Amino acid sequence: MAQKMTLQIITPNRKVFDGQCDAITVPGPAGEITLLPDHASYISTLGIGVLSFTEVGQVRKMTTAGGYVHVVDNAVTVLADSADEAGEAV
């Protein structure tokens, strides 16, 4: 079985996502950052842009604005000022 990562996406108002995924791409301060299983421990600010992740073979995308991403032991936590999936009311 392929290695997975745990992803939590949290905003000040709600927990947007909590589950397993195969890969995550976040908007970093100097461009996109792709995180794969067994990534080194990492912390960074988030830029404004699109956060995407692969869950059960399907890519999900959200717009994010500001916050932080933290990676340790295949657990990724995104603390975003805002995170909205396509089609969600703003």
C-alpha atoms as a PDB file:
ATOM      1  CA  MET A   1       0.000   0.000   0.000  1.00  0.00           C
ATOM      2  CA  ALA A   2       1.264   3.470  -0.884  1.00  0.00           C
ATOM      3  CA  GLN A   3       2.257   5.851   1.894  1.00  0.00           C
ATOM      4  CA  LYS A   4      -0.327   8.527   2.730  1.00  0.00           C
ATOM      5  CA  MET A   5      -0.224  11.830   4.557  1.00  0.00           C
ATOM      6  CA  THR A   6      -2.735  13.190   7.029  1.00  0.00           C
ATOM      7  CA  LEU A   7      -3.986  16.628   6.036  1.00  0.00           C
ATOM      8  CA  GLN A   8      -5.886  19.105   8.186  1.00  0.00           C
ATOM      9  CA  ILE A   9      -7.031  22.417   6.727  1.00  0.00           C
ATOM     10  CA  ILE A  10      -8.291  24.768   9.417  1.00  0.00           C
ATOM     11  CA  THR A  11      -9.559  28.349   9.235  1.00  0.00           C
ATOM     12  CA  PRO A  12     -10.574  30.581  12.146  1.00  0.00           C
ATOM     13  CA  ASN A  13     -14.227  29.635  11.464  1.00  0.00           C
ATOM     14  CA  ARG A  14     -14.102  25.875  10.783  1.00  0.00           C
ATOM     15  CA  LYS A  15     -12.179  22.733   9.969  1.00  0.00           C
ATOM     16  CA  VAL A  16     -12.340  22.587   6.168  1.00  0.00           C
ATOM     17  CA  PHE A  17     -10.742  19.154   5.673  1.00  0.00           C
ATOM     18  CA  ASP A  18      -9.406  16.340   7.844  1.00  0.00           C
ATOM     19  CA  GLY A  19      -8.308  13.185   6.047  1.00  0.00           C
ATOM     20  CA  GLN A  20      -5.704  11.233   4.114  1.00  0.00           C
ATOM     21  CA  CYS A  21      -4.093  12.298   0.836  1.00  0.00           C
ATOM     22  CA  ASP A  22      -1.290  11.322  -1.527  1.00  0.00           C
ATOM     23  CA  ALA A  23       0.173  14.723  -2.445  1.00  0.00           C
ATOM     24  CA  ILE A  24      -0.401  18.360  -1.505  1.00  0.00           C
ATOM     25  CA  THR A  25       0.551  21.561  -3.320  1.00  0.00           C
ATOM     26  CA  VAL A  26       0.359  24.829  -1.401  1.00  0.00           C
ATOM     27  CA  PRO A  27       0.980  28.434  -2.456  1.00  0.00           C
ATOM     28  CA  GLY A  28       4.202  29.422  -0.724  1.00  0.00           C
ATOM     29  CA  PRO A  29       5.703  32.896  -0.414  1.00  0.00           C
ATOM     30  CA  ALA A  30       7.938  32.334  -3.464  1.00  0.00           C
ATOM     31  CA  GLY A  31       5.771  29.953  -5.521  1.00  0.00           C
ATOM     32  CA  GLU A  32       4.115  26.569  -5.227  1.00  0.00           C
ATOM     33  CA  ILE A  33       5.423  23.932  -2.801  1.00  0.00           C
ATOM     34  CA  THR A  34       4.570  20.269  -3.398  1.00  0.00           C
ATOM     35  CA  LEU A  35       4.581  17.965  -0.393  1.00  0.00           C
ATOM     36  CA  LEU A  36       4.837  14.182  -0.792  1.00  0.00           C
ATOM     37  CA  PRO A  37       4.928  11.376   1.793  1.00  0.00           C
ATOM     38  CA  ASP A  38       8.074  11.349   3.955  1.00  0.00           C
ATOM     39  CA  HIS A  39       8.723  15.051   3.297  1.00  0.00           C
ATOM     40  CA  ALA A  40      11.227  16.626   5.680  1.00  0.00           C
ATOM     41  CA  SER A  41       9.818  18.616   8.582  1.00  0.00           C
ATOM     42  CA  TYR A  42       8.843  22.010   7.237  1.00  0.00           C
ATOM     43  CA  ILE A  43       7.047  25.220   8.204  1.00  0.00           C
ATOM     44  CA  SER A  44       6.211  28.163   5.968  1.00  0.00           C
ATOM     45  CA  THR A  45       3.790  31.000   5.459  1.00  0.00           C
ATOM     46  CA  LEU A  46       1.075  30.587   2.835  1.00  0.00           C
ATOM     47  CA  GLY A  47       0.645  32.922  -0.048  1.00  0.00           C
ATOM     48  CA  ILE A  48      -2.599  33.754  -1.814  1.00  0.00           C
ATOM     49  CA  GLY A  49      -3.445  31.108  -4.381  1.00  0.00           C
ATOM     50  CA  VAL A  50      -4.676  27.578  -4.970  1.00  0.00           C
ATOM     51  CA  LEU A  51      -4.062  24.722  -2.566  1.00  0.00           C
ATOM     52  CA  SER A  52      -4.587  21.319  -4.187  1.00  0.00           C
ATOM     53  CA  PHE A  53      -4.402  17.774  -2.889  1.00  0.00           C
ATOM     54  CA  THR A  54      -5.002  14.281  -4.222  1.00  0.00           C
ATOM     55  CA  GLU A  55      -7.543  12.249  -2.271  1.00  0.00           C
ATOM     56  CA  VAL A  56      -8.414   8.721  -3.476  1.00  0.00           C
ATOM     57  CA  GLY A  57      -7.154   9.503  -6.968  1.00  0.00           C
ATOM     58  CA  GLN A  58      -9.114  12.742  -7.317  1.00  0.00           C
ATOM     59  CA  VAL A  59      -7.640  16.229  -7.171  1.00  0.00           C
ATOM     60  CA  ARG A  60      -9.420  18.745  -4.944  1.00  0.00           C
ATOM     61  CA  LYS A  61      -8.654  22.462  -5.150  1.00  0.00           C
ATOM     62  CA  MET A  62      -9.257  25.342  -2.757  1.00  0.00           C
ATOM     63  CA  THR A  63      -8.386  28.994  -2.836  1.00  0.00           C
ATOM     64  CA  THR A  64      -6.453  30.130   0.201  1.00  0.00           C
ATOM     65  CA  ALA A  65      -5.368  33.497   1.486  1.00  0.00           C
ATOM     66  CA  GLY A  66      -2.639  33.752   4.076  1.00  0.00           C
ATOM     67  CA  GLY A  67      -1.724  31.525   6.980  1.00  0.00           C
ATOM     68  CA  TYR A  68       0.815  28.787   7.649  1.00  0.00           C
ATOM     69  CA  VAL A  69       1.651  25.222   6.612  1.00  0.00           C
ATOM     70  CA  HIS A  70       3.379  22.807   8.999  1.00  0.00           C
ATOM     71  CA  VAL A  71       4.731  19.359   8.067  1.00  0.00           C
ATOM     72  CA  VAL A  72       6.032  16.720  10.470  1.00  0.00           C
ATOM     73  CA  ASP A  73       5.961  12.891  10.271  1.00  0.00           C
ATOM     74  CA  ASN A  74       3.538  12.695   7.304  1.00  0.00           C
ATOM     75  CA  ALA A  75       1.100  15.048   9.043  1.00  0.00           C
ATOM     76  CA  VAL A  76       0.381  18.330   7.256  1.00  0.00           C
ATOM     77  CA  THR A  77      -1.502  21.102   9.025  1.00  0.00           C
ATOM     78  CA  VAL A  78      -2.666  24.145   7.090  1.00  0.00           C
ATOM     79  CA  LEU A  79      -3.817  27.071   9.219  1.00  0.00           C
ATOM     80  CA  ALA A  80      -5.350  29.410   6.649  1.00  0.00           C
ATOM     81  CA  ASP A  81      -6.941  32.817   7.048  1.00  0.00           C
ATOM     82  CA  SER A  82      -9.500  31.541   4.504  1.00  0.00           C
ATOM     83  CA  ALA A  83      -9.968  28.377   2.408  1.00  0.00           C
ATOM     84  CA  ASP A  84     -12.856  27.863  -0.010  1.00  0.00           C
ATOM     85  CA  GLU A  85     -13.536  25.071  -2.480  1.00  0.00           C
ATOM     86  CA  ALA A  86     -14.858  25.890  -5.934  1.00  0.00           C
ATOM     87  CA  GLY A  87     -18.606  26.352  -5.750  1.00  0.00           C
ATOM     88  CA  GLU A  88     -18.702  27.329  -2.061  1.00  0.00           C
ATOM     89  CA  ALA A  89     -20.413  30.534  -1.104  1.00  0.00           C
ATOM     90  CA  VAL A  90     -17.980  33.217  -0.035  1.00  0.00           C
END
